[in-house]
Amino acid sequence: QATALDEVRAAADVAALDAVQSAFLGKKGQVQQVLRTIGKLDPKERGPVGRAANEAKQAIEGALEVRRSELLAAADANLAESEWVDATLPPPAGARASGRGGSIHPITALVRDMEDVFLSMGFETLDGPWVEDDHHNFGALNIPADHPARDMQDTYWLTDGNLLRTHTSPVQVRAMETREPPIRAVCLGRIFRNEELDATHENTFHQCEGFFVDRDVSVGHMIYVLESLLHEIIGPDVKVRLRPSYFPFVEPGFEMDVTFRGDWMELLGCGMVHPSVLEAGGIDPNEYSGFAFGMGIDRLVMVRHGVEDIRHLMSGDLRFLSQFT
């Protein structure tokens, strides 16, 4: 026992500690060898020797546990020095020659471009929690518990009554709760819906929520912002159309389509912020108005790059991603 405790204290790393454990407590370790000899001892000696062996085993096990915790804590504290990586270094020459260097994911690249466009128009970028409460995800957006619009967003509910956010619109509510107009902001983030997967539907995807609240805001302002964004992101020749639609948090509401592979594809919903939503955010609808829009970033990537199946974007398939190097 004394020898084992000395070697435990002297162990400089986890590997050395494992060697000590094997030497003393393993199947062929010294404690096990003592226990095997008990049956050969005089009956009067078996009890004291067995108790002493078990006490030694417990003492060694306790010392091993304490020392292992110390070594792991020290290793974690030294990670910044021992395992740091300079991500700004160029890839090895072999990787460059083979064309197998890393690349920015097409969704990440589009998000960065969209942020640049919005910032140039005076918008700020915000974010919010992925796990939301019912009030911010539904109630404050004019979607009460019995509203049929809840069925349009197949929701992942959690056992504590919260949910995985089904859109980025809760960020709009949180911004209005904490800011005074004029508010001009966007949120580009991940959302979750219990969708049946196909070429244009995913259960984990990305959405851009934008909103502008001020005095005398009109539909014309909204159209200008959206057309400016799409012309910058997709190209100056992209065609768009606006169709009347219904969303409980805007009035009037619209859907905007874009041309894709010779046909129209629904890209985003938009409209004037509903007075009830303004009130829920603490803003007087008699004094202020605003517009809001939400678009699927993944679908915008499909239009931008001609991707035929949205499931490629979250697949992690390097054969697909290497095309964007």
C-alpha atoms as a PDB file:
ATOM      1  CA  GLN A   1       0.000   0.000   0.000  1.00  0.00           C
ATOM      2  CA  ALA A   2       2.743   2.452   0.901  1.00  0.00           C
ATOM      3  CA  THR A   3       4.602   1.730  -2.360  1.00  0.00           C
ATOM      4  CA  ALA A   4       1.420   2.161  -4.397  1.00  0.00           C
ATOM      5  CA  LEU A   5       0.538   5.495  -2.773  1.00  0.00           C
ATOM      6  CA  ASP A   6       4.045   6.806  -3.436  1.00  0.00           C
ATOM      7  CA  GLU A   7       3.816   5.835  -7.109  1.00  0.00           C
ATOM      8  CA  VAL A   8       0.323   7.376  -7.424  1.00  0.00           C
ATOM      9  CA  ARG A   9       1.609  10.705  -6.118  1.00  0.00           C
ATOM     10  CA  ALA A  10       4.608  10.514  -8.459  1.00  0.00           C
ATOM     11  CA  ALA A  11       2.510   9.828 -11.599  1.00  0.00           C
ATOM     12  CA  ALA A  12       3.106  12.723 -13.985  1.00  0.00           C
ATOM     13  CA  ASP A  13       0.254  11.983 -16.390  1.00  0.00           C
ATOM     14  CA  VAL A  14      -2.806   9.788 -16.874  1.00  0.00           C
ATOM     15  CA  ALA A  15      -0.830   7.119 -18.738  1.00  0.00           C
ATOM     16  CA  ALA A  16       1.571   6.729 -15.819  1.00  0.00           C
ATOM     17  CA  LEU A  17      -1.370   6.572 -13.435  1.00  0.00           C
ATOM     18  CA  ASP A  18      -2.976   3.813 -15.509  1.00  0.00           C
ATOM     19  CA  ALA A  19       0.266   1.841 -15.245  1.00  0.00           C
ATOM     20  CA  VAL A  20       0.215   2.153 -11.455  1.00  0.00           C
ATOM     21  CA  GLN A  21      -3.404   1.027 -11.341  1.00  0.00           C
ATOM     22  CA  SER A  22      -2.623  -2.017 -13.475  1.00  0.00           C
ATOM     23  CA  ALA A  23       0.449  -2.921 -11.402  1.00  0.00           C
ATOM     24  CA  PHE A  24      -1.400  -2.895  -8.085  1.00  0.00           C
ATOM     25  CA  LEU A  25      -5.130  -3.427  -8.813  1.00  0.00           C
ATOM     26  CA  GLY A  26      -5.130  -5.252 -12.157  1.00  0.00           C
ATOM     27  CA  LYS A  27      -5.899  -8.937 -12.635  1.00  0.00           C
ATOM     28  CA  LYS A  28      -2.217  -9.712 -12.196  1.00  0.00           C
ATOM     29  CA  GLY A  29      -1.584  -6.854  -9.766  1.00  0.00           C
ATOM     30  CA  GLN A  30      -0.001  -7.129  -6.360  1.00  0.00           C
ATOM     31  CA  VAL A  31      -3.241  -6.814  -4.387  1.00  0.00           C
ATOM     32  CA  GLN A  32      -4.842  -9.588  -6.437  1.00  0.00           C
ATOM     33  CA  GLN A  33      -1.798 -11.785  -5.822  1.00  0.00           C
ATOM     34  CA  VAL A  34      -2.219 -11.324  -2.079  1.00  0.00           C
ATOM     35  CA  LEU A  35      -5.910 -12.212  -2.266  1.00  0.00           C
ATOM     36  CA  ARG A  36      -5.117 -15.397  -4.189  1.00  0.00           C
ATOM     37  CA  THR A  37      -2.821 -16.603  -1.383  1.00  0.00           C
ATOM     38  CA  ILE A  38      -5.416 -16.224   1.384  1.00  0.00           C
ATOM     39  CA  GLY A  39      -6.782 -19.721   0.854  1.00  0.00           C
ATOM     40  CA  LYS A  40      -3.337 -21.202   1.527  1.00  0.00           C
ATOM     41  CA  LEU A  41      -2.880 -19.416   4.862  1.00  0.00           C
ATOM     42  CA  ASP A  42      -3.569 -20.703   8.326  1.00  0.00           C
ATOM     43  CA  PRO A  43      -7.274 -20.164   9.124  1.00  0.00           C
ATOM     44  CA  LYS A  44      -6.362 -17.712  11.899  1.00  0.00           C
ATOM     45  CA  GLU A  45      -4.434 -15.523   9.423  1.00  0.00           C
ATOM     46  CA  ARG A  46      -6.998 -15.441   6.626  1.00  0.00           C
ATOM     47  CA  GLY A  47      -9.296 -12.848   8.247  1.00  0.00           C
ATOM     48  CA  PRO A  48      -6.616 -10.262   9.172  1.00  0.00           C
ATOM     49  CA  VAL A  49      -4.821 -10.628   5.822  1.00  0.00           C
ATOM     50  CA  GLY A  50      -8.081 -10.364   3.848  1.00  0.00           C
ATOM     51  CA  ARG A  51      -9.144  -7.231   5.755  1.00  0.00           C
ATOM     52  CA  ALA A  52      -5.715  -5.677   5.307  1.00  0.00           C
ATOM     53  CA  ALA A  53      -5.742  -6.429   1.567  1.00  0.00           C
ATOM     54  CA  ASN A  54      -9.197  -4.858   1.119  1.00  0.00           C
ATOM     55  CA  GLU A  55      -8.187  -1.807   3.135  1.00  0.00           C
ATOM     56  CA  ALA A  56      -5.107  -1.416   0.949  1.00  0.00           C
ATOM     57  CA  LYS A  57      -7.235  -1.799  -2.185  1.00  0.00           C
ATOM     58  CA  GLN A  58      -9.669   0.911  -1.027  1.00  0.00           C
ATOM     59  CA  ALA A  59      -6.826   3.272  -0.076  1.00  0.00           C
ATOM     60  CA  ILE A  60      -5.153   2.832  -3.474  1.00  0.00           C
ATOM     61  CA  GLU A  61      -8.453   3.292  -5.338  1.00  0.00           C
ATOM     62  CA  GLY A  62      -9.137   6.531  -3.436  1.00  0.00           C
ATOM     63  CA  ALA A  63      -5.658   7.869  -4.130  1.00  0.00           C
ATOM     64  CA  LEU A  64      -5.988   6.982  -7.838  1.00  0.00           C
ATOM     65  CA  GLU A  65      -9.285   8.842  -8.124  1.00  0.00           C
ATOM     66  CA  VAL A  66      -7.913  11.988  -6.476  1.00  0.00           C
ATOM     67  CA  ARG A  67      -4.739  11.991  -8.572  1.00  0.00           C
ATOM     68  CA  ARG A  68      -6.676  11.356 -11.789  1.00  0.00           C
ATOM     69  CA  SER A  69      -8.894  14.368 -11.091  1.00  0.00           C
ATOM     70  CA  GLU A  70      -5.810  16.499 -10.458  1.00  0.00           C
ATOM     71  CA  LEU A  71      -4.129  15.403 -13.684  1.00  0.00           C
ATOM     72  CA  LEU A  72      -7.258  15.918 -15.826  1.00  0.00           C
ATOM     73  CA  ALA A  73      -7.816  19.373 -14.372  1.00  0.00           C
ATOM     74  CA  ALA A  74      -4.201  20.312 -15.068  1.00  0.00           C
ATOM     75  CA  ALA A  75      -4.493  19.012 -18.641  1.00  0.00           C
ATOM     76  CA  ASP A  76      -7.641  21.071 -19.244  1.00  0.00           C
ATOM     77  CA  ALA A  77      -5.972  24.168 -17.844  1.00  0.00           C
ATOM     78  CA  ASN A  78      -3.056  23.715 -20.251  1.00  0.00           C
ATOM     79  CA  LEU A  79      -5.122  23.091 -23.403  1.00  0.00           C
ATOM     80  CA  ALA A  80      -4.672  26.661 -24.619  1.00  0.00           C
ATOM     81  CA  GLU A  81      -0.907  26.169 -24.577  1.00  0.00           C
ATOM     82  CA  SER A  82      -0.599  22.506 -25.534  1.00  0.00           C
ATOM     83  CA  GLU A  83      -3.241  22.113 -28.270  1.00  0.00           C
ATOM     84  CA  TRP A  84      -3.741  25.547 -29.828  1.00  0.00           C
ATOM     85  CA  VAL A  85      -4.152  25.787 -33.584  1.00  0.00           C
ATOM     86  CA  ASP A  86      -3.407  28.801 -35.745  1.00  0.00           C
ATOM     87  CA  ALA A  87      -6.390  28.773 -38.122  1.00  0.00           C
ATOM     88  CA  THR A  88      -4.851  31.578 -40.188  1.00  0.00           C
ATOM     89  CA  LEU A  89      -1.982  29.398 -41.435  1.00  0.00           C
ATOM     90  CA  PRO A  90      -2.227  28.276 -45.076  1.00  0.00           C
ATOM     91  CA  PRO A  91      -2.951  24.590 -45.718  1.00  0.00           C
ATOM     92  CA  PRO A  92      -0.046  22.206 -46.395  1.00  0.00           C
ATOM     93  CA  ALA A  93       1.357  22.311 -49.919  1.00  0.00           C
ATOM     94  CA  GLY A  94       0.048  18.815 -50.633  1.00  0.00           C
ATOM     95  CA  ALA A  95      -3.517  19.804 -49.740  1.00  0.00           C
ATOM     96  CA  ARG A  96      -3.346  22.852 -52.005  1.00  0.00           C
ATOM     97  CA  ALA A  97      -1.984  20.816 -54.895  1.00  0.00           C
ATOM     98  CA  SER A  98      -4.697  18.162 -54.571  1.00  0.00           C
ATOM     99  CA  GLY A  99      -7.465  20.729 -54.296  1.00  0.00           C
ATOM    100  CA  ARG A 100      -8.594  19.185 -51.011  1.00  0.00           C
ATOM    101  CA  GLY A 101      -8.318  22.306 -48.891  1.00  0.00           C
ATOM    102  CA  GLY A 102     -11.149  23.470 -46.679  1.00  0.00           C
ATOM    103  CA  SER A 103     -13.991  25.685 -47.855  1.00  0.00           C
ATOM    104  CA  ILE A 104     -16.691  27.920 -46.480  1.00  0.00           C
ATOM    105  CA  HIS A 105     -20.073  26.163 -46.374  1.00  0.00           C
ATOM    106  CA  PRO A 106     -22.434  27.726 -48.947  1.00  0.00           C
ATOM    107  CA  ILE A 107     -24.926  28.605 -46.196  1.00  0.00           C
ATOM    108  CA  THR A 108     -22.230  30.362 -44.162  1.00  0.00           C
ATOM    109  CA  ALA A 109     -21.011  32.210 -47.251  1.00  0.00           C
ATOM    110  CA  LEU A 110     -24.526  33.407 -48.061  1.00  0.00           C
ATOM    111  CA  VAL A 111     -25.195  34.489 -44.468  1.00  0.00           C
ATOM    112  CA  ARG A 112     -22.029  36.610 -44.506  1.00  0.00           C
ATOM    113  CA  ASP A 113     -23.010  38.195 -47.819  1.00  0.00           C
ATOM    114  CA  MET A 114     -26.529  38.915 -46.573  1.00  0.00           C
ATOM    115  CA  GLU A 115     -25.180  40.490 -43.404  1.00  0.00           C
ATOM    116  CA  ASP A 116     -22.987  42.776 -45.515  1.00  0.00           C
ATOM    117  CA  VAL A 117     -25.965  43.870 -47.622  1.00  0.00           C
ATOM    118  CA  PHE A 118     -28.187  44.522 -44.598  1.00  0.00           C
ATOM    119  CA  LEU A 119     -25.454  46.410 -42.761  1.00  0.00           C
ATOM    120  CA  SER A 120     -24.992  48.611 -45.822  1.00  0.00           C
ATOM    121  CA  MET A 121     -28.715  49.486 -45.592  1.00  0.00           C
ATOM    122  CA  GLY A 122     -28.461  50.423 -41.918  1.00  0.00           C
ATOM    123  CA  PHE A 123     -29.782  47.218 -40.349  1.00  0.00           C
ATOM    124  CA  GLU A 124     -28.192  45.643 -37.275  1.00  0.00           C
ATOM    125  CA  THR A 125     -27.822  41.869 -36.866  1.00  0.00           C
ATOM    126  CA  LEU A 126     -29.386  40.177 -33.836  1.00  0.00           C
ATOM    127  CA  ASP A 127     -29.790  36.636 -32.549  1.00  0.00           C
ATOM    128  CA  GLY A 128     -31.929  34.836 -30.006  1.00  0.00           C
ATOM    129  CA  PRO A 129     -32.208  31.495 -28.194  1.00  0.00           C
ATOM    130  CA  TRP A 130     -32.884  28.281 -30.118  1.00  0.00           C
ATOM    131  CA  VAL A 131     -34.995  26.997 -27.221  1.00  0.00           C
ATOM    132  CA  GLU A 132     -37.919  29.401 -26.988  1.00  0.00           C
ATOM    133  CA  ASP A 133     -40.987  29.845 -24.799  1.00  0.00           C
ATOM    134  CA  ASP A 134     -44.527  29.734 -26.131  1.00  0.00           C
ATOM    135  CA  HIS A 135     -45.074  33.461 -25.645  1.00  0.00           C
ATOM    136  CA  HIS A 136     -42.222  34.665 -27.846  1.00  0.00           C
ATOM    137  CA  ASN A 137     -42.596  31.949 -30.493  1.00  0.00           C
ATOM    138  CA  PHE A 138     -46.392  32.115 -30.785  1.00  0.00           C
ATOM    139  CA  GLY A 139     -48.375  34.262 -28.349  1.00  0.00           C
ATOM    140  CA  ALA A 140     -46.650  37.607 -28.904  1.00  0.00           C
ATOM    141  CA  LEU A 141     -46.853  37.007 -32.676  1.00  0.00           C
ATOM    142  CA  ASN A 142     -50.660  36.956 -32.622  1.00  0.00           C
ATOM    143  CA  ILE A 143     -50.814  33.135 -32.592  1.00  0.00           C
ATOM    144  CA  PRO A 144     -52.817  32.100 -29.482  1.00  0.00           C
ATOM    145  CA  ALA A 145     -53.022  28.508 -28.270  1.00  0.00           C
ATOM    146  CA  ASP A 146     -56.112  27.638 -30.351  1.00  0.00           C
ATOM    147  CA  HIS A 147     -54.946  29.365 -33.553  1.00  0.00           C
ATOM    148  CA  PRO A 148     -54.863  27.111 -36.655  1.00  0.00           C
ATOM    149  CA  ALA A 149     -51.587  28.748 -37.763  1.00  0.00           C
ATOM    150  CA  ARG A 150     -49.831  26.607 -35.145  1.00  0.00           C
ATOM    151  CA  ASP A 151     -50.601  23.596 -37.322  1.00  0.00           C
ATOM    152  CA  MET A 152     -48.645  25.229 -40.178  1.00  0.00           C
ATOM    153  CA  GLN A 153     -45.446  24.933 -38.149  1.00  0.00           C
ATOM    154  CA  ASP A 154     -44.949  21.359 -36.975  1.00  0.00           C
ATOM    155  CA  THR A 155     -43.259  22.020 -33.674  1.00  0.00           C
ATOM    156  CA  TYR A 156     -40.686  20.136 -31.619  1.00  0.00           C
ATOM    157  CA  TRP A 157     -42.084  20.557 -28.090  1.00  0.00           C
ATOM    158  CA  LEU A 158     -39.914  19.917 -25.040  1.00  0.00           C
ATOM    159  CA  THR A 159     -41.042  18.242 -21.839  1.00  0.00           C
ATOM    160  CA  ASP A 160     -40.753  21.503 -19.872  1.00  0.00           C
ATOM    161  CA  GLY A 161     -43.298  23.294 -22.095  1.00  0.00           C
ATOM    162  CA  ASN A 162     -40.693  25.139 -24.168  1.00  0.00           C
ATOM    163  CA  LEU A 163     -39.946  24.379 -27.821  1.00  0.00           C
ATOM    164  CA  LEU A 164     -37.304  24.539 -30.494  1.00  0.00           C
ATOM    165  CA  ARG A 165     -37.999  27.810 -32.281  1.00  0.00           C
ATOM    166  CA  THR A 166     -39.984  27.305 -35.477  1.00  0.00           C
ATOM    167  CA  HIS A 167     -38.933  30.642 -36.998  1.00  0.00           C
ATOM    168  CA  THR A 168     -36.642  33.553 -36.234  1.00  0.00           C
ATOM    169  CA  SER A 169     -39.619  35.867 -35.596  1.00  0.00           C
ATOM    170  CA  PRO A 170     -39.230  35.658 -31.773  1.00  0.00           C
ATOM    171  CA  VAL A 171     -36.110  37.801 -32.210  1.00  0.00           C
ATOM    172  CA  GLN A 172     -38.362  40.542 -33.589  1.00  0.00           C
ATOM    173  CA  VAL A 173     -40.484  40.454 -30.410  1.00  0.00           C
ATOM    174  CA  ARG A 174     -37.442  40.480 -28.124  1.00  0.00           C
ATOM    175  CA  ALA A 175     -35.988  43.442 -30.038  1.00  0.00           C
ATOM    176  CA  MET A 176     -39.189  45.464 -29.696  1.00  0.00           C
ATOM    177  CA  GLU A 177     -39.305  44.679 -25.980  1.00  0.00           C
ATOM    178  CA  THR A 178     -35.829  46.115 -25.411  1.00  0.00           C
ATOM    179  CA  ARG A 179     -35.484  48.863 -28.055  1.00  0.00           C
ATOM    180  CA  GLU A 180     -37.218  52.093 -28.941  1.00  0.00           C
ATOM    181  CA  PRO A 181     -38.183  52.882 -32.562  1.00  0.00           C
ATOM    182  CA  PRO A 182     -36.761  53.349 -35.075  1.00  0.00           C
ATOM    183  CA  ILE A 183     -35.728  49.675 -35.118  1.00  0.00           C
ATOM    184  CA  ARG A 184     -34.046  48.237 -38.194  1.00  0.00           C
ATOM    185  CA  ALA A 185     -32.696  44.744 -37.610  1.00  0.00           C
ATOM    186  CA  VAL A 186     -32.275  41.245 -39.038  1.00  0.00           C
ATOM    187  CA  CYS A 187     -31.714  37.821 -37.520  1.00  0.00           C
ATOM    188  CA  LEU A 188     -30.062  35.060 -39.560  1.00  0.00           C
ATOM    189  CA  GLY A 189     -30.178  31.781 -37.683  1.00  0.00           C
ATOM    190  CA  ARG A 190     -31.165  28.149 -37.408  1.00  0.00           C
ATOM    191  CA  ILE A 191     -34.764  26.997 -36.918  1.00  0.00           C
ATOM    192  CA  PHE A 192     -36.453  23.627 -36.407  1.00  0.00           C
ATOM    193  CA  ARG A 193     -39.678  22.112 -37.749  1.00  0.00           C
ATOM    194  CA  ASN A 194     -40.931  18.553 -37.679  1.00  0.00           C
ATOM    195  CA  GLU A 195     -41.182  18.414 -41.475  1.00  0.00           C
ATOM    196  CA  GLU A 196     -41.401  15.430 -43.785  1.00  0.00           C
ATOM    197  CA  LEU A 197     -38.137  15.605 -45.712  1.00  0.00           C
ATOM    198  CA  ASP A 198     -38.076  16.041 -49.463  1.00  0.00           C
ATOM    199  CA  ALA A 199     -36.122  18.011 -52.079  1.00  0.00           C
ATOM    200  CA  THR A 200     -37.416  21.379 -50.804  1.00  0.00           C
ATOM    201  CA  HIS A 201     -38.148  20.665 -47.102  1.00  0.00           C
ATOM    202  CA  GLU A 202     -35.782  20.036 -44.170  1.00  0.00           C
ATOM    203  CA  ASN A 203     -36.402  19.709 -40.433  1.00  0.00           C
ATOM    204  CA  THR A 204     -33.355  21.796 -39.525  1.00  0.00           C
ATOM    205  CA  PHE A 205     -32.753  24.806 -41.711  1.00  0.00           C
ATOM    206  CA  HIS A 206     -31.908  28.506 -41.637  1.00  0.00           C
ATOM    207  CA  GLN A 207     -34.061  31.592 -41.833  1.00  0.00           C
ATOM    208  CA  CYS A 208     -33.556  35.319 -42.177  1.00  0.00           C
ATOM    209  CA  GLU A 209     -35.966  37.499 -40.231  1.00  0.00           C
ATOM    210  CA  GLY A 210     -35.924  41.216 -40.997  1.00  0.00           C
ATOM    211  CA  PHE A 211     -38.038  44.031 -39.626  1.00  0.00           C
ATOM    212  CA  PHE A 212     -38.198  47.801 -39.709  1.00  0.00           C
ATOM    213  CA  VAL A 213     -40.344  49.811 -37.290  1.00  0.00           C
ATOM    214  CA  ASP A 214     -40.643  53.598 -37.533  1.00  0.00           C
ATOM    215  CA  ARG A 215     -43.139  56.304 -38.340  1.00  0.00           C
ATOM    216  CA  ASP A 216     -44.844  56.162 -41.761  1.00  0.00           C
ATOM    217  CA  VAL A 217     -43.301  52.846 -42.899  1.00  0.00           C
ATOM    218  CA  SER A 218     -45.050  51.476 -46.002  1.00  0.00           C
ATOM    219  CA  VAL A 219     -45.179  48.388 -48.240  1.00  0.00           C
ATOM    220  CA  GLY A 220     -43.065  50.337 -50.726  1.00  0.00           C
ATOM    221  CA  HIS A 221     -40.183  50.459 -48.242  1.00  0.00           C
ATOM    222  CA  MET A 222     -40.438  46.689 -47.779  1.00  0.00           C
ATOM    223  CA  ILE A 223     -40.395  45.951 -51.519  1.00  0.00           C
ATOM    224  CA  TYR A 224     -37.362  48.190 -52.017  1.00  0.00           C
ATOM    225  CA  VAL A 225     -35.384  46.454 -49.245  1.00  0.00           C
ATOM    226  CA  LEU A 226     -36.231  42.945 -50.480  1.00  0.00           C
ATOM    227  CA  GLU A 227     -35.535  43.669 -54.141  1.00  0.00           C
ATOM    228  CA  SER A 228     -32.237  45.331 -53.227  1.00  0.00           C
ATOM    229  CA  LEU A 229     -31.220  42.265 -51.202  1.00  0.00           C
ATOM    230  CA  LEU A 230     -32.139  39.730 -53.886  1.00  0.00           C
ATOM    231  CA  HIS A 231     -30.455  41.695 -56.653  1.00  0.00           C
ATOM    232  CA  GLU A 232     -27.244  41.765 -54.611  1.00  0.00           C
ATOM    233  CA  ILE A 233     -27.395  38.100 -53.550  1.00  0.00           C
ATOM    234  CA  ILE A 234     -28.793  36.359 -56.625  1.00  0.00           C
ATOM    235  CA  GLY A 235     -28.141  38.830 -59.426  1.00  0.00           C
ATOM    236  CA  PRO A 236     -29.608  41.929 -61.062  1.00  0.00           C
ATOM    237  CA  ASP A 237     -31.660  39.842 -63.507  1.00  0.00           C
ATOM    238  CA  VAL A 238     -33.642  37.905 -60.898  1.00  0.00           C
ATOM    239  CA  LYS A 239     -37.394  38.371 -61.239  1.00  0.00           C
ATOM    240  CA  VAL A 240     -39.686  38.610 -58.230  1.00  0.00           C
ATOM    241  CA  ARG A 241     -43.421  38.735 -57.727  1.00  0.00           C
ATOM    242  CA  LEU A 242     -45.596  39.567 -54.733  1.00  0.00           C
ATOM    243  CA  ARG A 243     -48.783  37.609 -53.984  1.00  0.00           C
ATOM    244  CA  PRO A 244     -51.353  38.319 -51.244  1.00  0.00           C
ATOM    245  CA  SER A 245     -51.126  35.754 -48.450  1.00  0.00           C
ATOM    246  CA  TYR A 246     -51.995  35.301 -44.794  1.00  0.00           C
ATOM    247  CA  PHE A 247     -49.684  35.293 -41.808  1.00  0.00           C
ATOM    248  CA  PRO A 248     -51.119  36.027 -38.340  1.00  0.00           C
ATOM    249  CA  PHE A 249     -48.318  38.441 -37.402  1.00  0.00           C
ATOM    250  CA  VAL A 250     -48.632  40.757 -40.435  1.00  0.00           C
ATOM    251  CA  GLU A 251     -51.524  42.620 -42.043  1.00  0.00           C
ATOM    252  CA  PRO A 252     -51.589  42.844 -45.009  1.00  0.00           C
ATOM    253  CA  GLY A 253     -49.444  39.800 -45.735  1.00  0.00           C
ATOM    254  CA  PHE A 254     -47.681  38.675 -48.898  1.00  0.00           C
ATOM    255  CA  GLU A 255     -45.548  35.911 -50.344  1.00  0.00           C
ATOM    256  CA  MET A 256     -42.648  36.767 -52.611  1.00  0.00           C
ATOM    257  CA  ASP A 257     -41.615  34.320 -55.325  1.00  0.00           C
ATOM    258  CA  VAL A 258     -38.427  34.268 -57.412  1.00  0.00           C
ATOM    259  CA  THR A 259     -37.642  32.648 -60.732  1.00  0.00           C
ATOM    260  CA  PHE A 260     -35.850  29.292 -60.364  1.00  0.00           C
ATOM    261  CA  ARG A 261     -35.149  26.798 -63.162  1.00  0.00           C
ATOM    262  CA  GLY A 262     -37.658  28.479 -65.450  1.00  0.00           C
ATOM    263  CA  ASP A 263     -40.453  28.483 -62.856  1.00  0.00           C
ATOM    264  CA  TRP A 264     -41.574  30.433 -59.805  1.00  0.00           C
ATOM    265  CA  MET A 265     -40.450  29.253 -56.358  1.00  0.00           C
ATOM    266  CA  GLU A 266     -41.838  30.593 -53.091  1.00  0.00           C
ATOM    267  CA  LEU A 267     -38.979  32.240 -51.215  1.00  0.00           C
ATOM    268  CA  LEU A 268     -40.325  34.339 -48.378  1.00  0.00           C
ATOM    269  CA  GLY A 269     -43.306  35.673 -46.494  1.00  0.00           C
ATOM    270  CA  CYS A 270     -43.632  39.339 -45.633  1.00  0.00           C
ATOM    271  CA  GLY A 271     -46.047  42.107 -44.740  1.00  0.00           C
ATOM    272  CA  MET A 272     -46.822  45.015 -42.467  1.00  0.00           C
ATOM    273  CA  VAL A 273     -46.349  44.218 -38.775  1.00  0.00           C
ATOM    274  CA  HIS A 274     -49.732  43.483 -37.181  1.00  0.00           C
ATOM    275  CA  PRO A 275     -50.814  46.108 -34.591  1.00  0.00           C
ATOM    276  CA  SER A 276     -51.203  43.330 -31.979  1.00  0.00           C
ATOM    277  CA  VAL A 277     -47.555  42.347 -32.466  1.00  0.00           C
ATOM    278  CA  LEU A 278     -46.449  45.963 -32.030  1.00  0.00           C
ATOM    279  CA  GLU A 279     -48.486  46.181 -28.818  1.00  0.00           C
ATOM    280  CA  ALA A 280     -46.995  42.904 -27.540  1.00  0.00           C
ATOM    281  CA  GLY A 281     -43.567  44.469 -28.033  1.00  0.00           C
ATOM    282  CA  GLY A 282     -44.541  47.619 -26.128  1.00  0.00           C
ATOM    283  CA  ILE A 283     -44.845  49.861 -29.219  1.00  0.00           C
ATOM    284  CA  ASP A 284     -47.867  52.102 -29.892  1.00  0.00           C
ATOM    285  CA  PRO A 285     -49.396  51.021 -33.256  1.00  0.00           C
ATOM    286  CA  ASN A 286     -51.157  54.394 -33.553  1.00  0.00           C
ATOM    287  CA  GLU A 287     -47.795  56.132 -33.681  1.00  0.00           C
ATOM    288  CA  TYR A 288     -45.572  53.586 -35.421  1.00  0.00           C
ATOM    289  CA  SER A 289     -45.816  51.075 -38.242  1.00  0.00           C
ATOM    290  CA  GLY A 290     -43.396  48.577 -39.674  1.00  0.00           C
ATOM    291  CA  PHE A 291     -42.753  45.728 -42.066  1.00  0.00           C
ATOM    292  CA  ALA A 292     -41.311  42.266 -41.458  1.00  0.00           C
ATOM    293  CA  PHE A 293     -40.173  39.414 -43.648  1.00  0.00           C
ATOM    294  CA  GLY A 294     -38.860  35.896 -43.224  1.00  0.00           C
ATOM    295  CA  MET A 295     -37.054  33.892 -45.847  1.00  0.00           C
ATOM    296  CA  GLY A 296     -35.454  30.478 -46.013  1.00  0.00           C
ATOM    297  CA  ILE A 297     -31.706  30.887 -46.387  1.00  0.00           C
ATOM    298  CA  ASP A 298     -31.302  27.303 -47.577  1.00  0.00           C
ATOM    299  CA  ARG A 299     -33.727  27.873 -50.445  1.00  0.00           C
ATOM    300  CA  LEU A 300     -31.907  31.058 -51.335  1.00  0.00           C
ATOM    301  CA  VAL A 301     -28.694  28.994 -51.546  1.00  0.00           C
ATOM    302  CA  MET A 302     -30.502  26.612 -53.896  1.00  0.00           C
ATOM    303  CA  VAL A 303     -31.436  29.514 -56.185  1.00  0.00           C
ATOM    304  CA  ARG A 304     -27.985  31.050 -55.990  1.00  0.00           C
ATOM    305  CA  HIS A 305     -26.073  27.865 -56.859  1.00  0.00           C
ATOM    306  CA  GLY A 306     -28.670  25.808 -58.724  1.00  0.00           C
ATOM    307  CA  VAL A 307     -28.830  23.094 -56.030  1.00  0.00           C
ATOM    308  CA  GLU A 308     -31.650  20.682 -56.810  1.00  0.00           C
ATOM    309  CA  ASP A 309     -32.119  19.081 -53.353  1.00  0.00           C
ATOM    310  CA  ILE A 310     -32.132  21.011 -50.070  1.00  0.00           C
ATOM    311  CA  ARG A 311     -31.012  17.896 -48.165  1.00  0.00           C
ATOM    312  CA  HIS A 312     -27.527  18.197 -49.667  1.00  0.00           C
ATOM    313  CA  LEU A 313     -26.897  21.332 -47.601  1.00  0.00           C
ATOM    314  CA  MET A 314     -27.049  19.596 -44.202  1.00  0.00           C
ATOM    315  CA  SER A 315     -25.717  16.209 -45.322  1.00  0.00           C
ATOM    316  CA  GLY A 316     -22.044  16.853 -44.541  1.00  0.00           C
ATOM    317  CA  ASP A 317     -21.180  15.079 -47.797  1.00  0.00           C
ATOM    318  CA  LEU A 318     -17.690  16.242 -48.772  1.00  0.00           C
ATOM    319  CA  ARG A 319     -18.349  15.384 -52.416  1.00  0.00           C
ATOM    320  CA  PHE A 320     -21.036  18.058 -52.423  1.00  0.00           C
ATOM    321  CA  LEU A 321     -19.218  20.608 -50.256  1.00  0.00           C
ATOM    322  CA  SER A 322     -15.945  20.369 -52.204  1.00  0.00           C
ATOM    323  CA  GLN A 323     -17.692  22.066 -55.134  1.00  0.00           C
ATOM    324  CA  PHE A 324     -17.653  25.319 -53.151  1.00  0.00           C
ATOM    325  CA  THR A 325     -13.903  25.351 -52.412  1.00  0.00           C
END
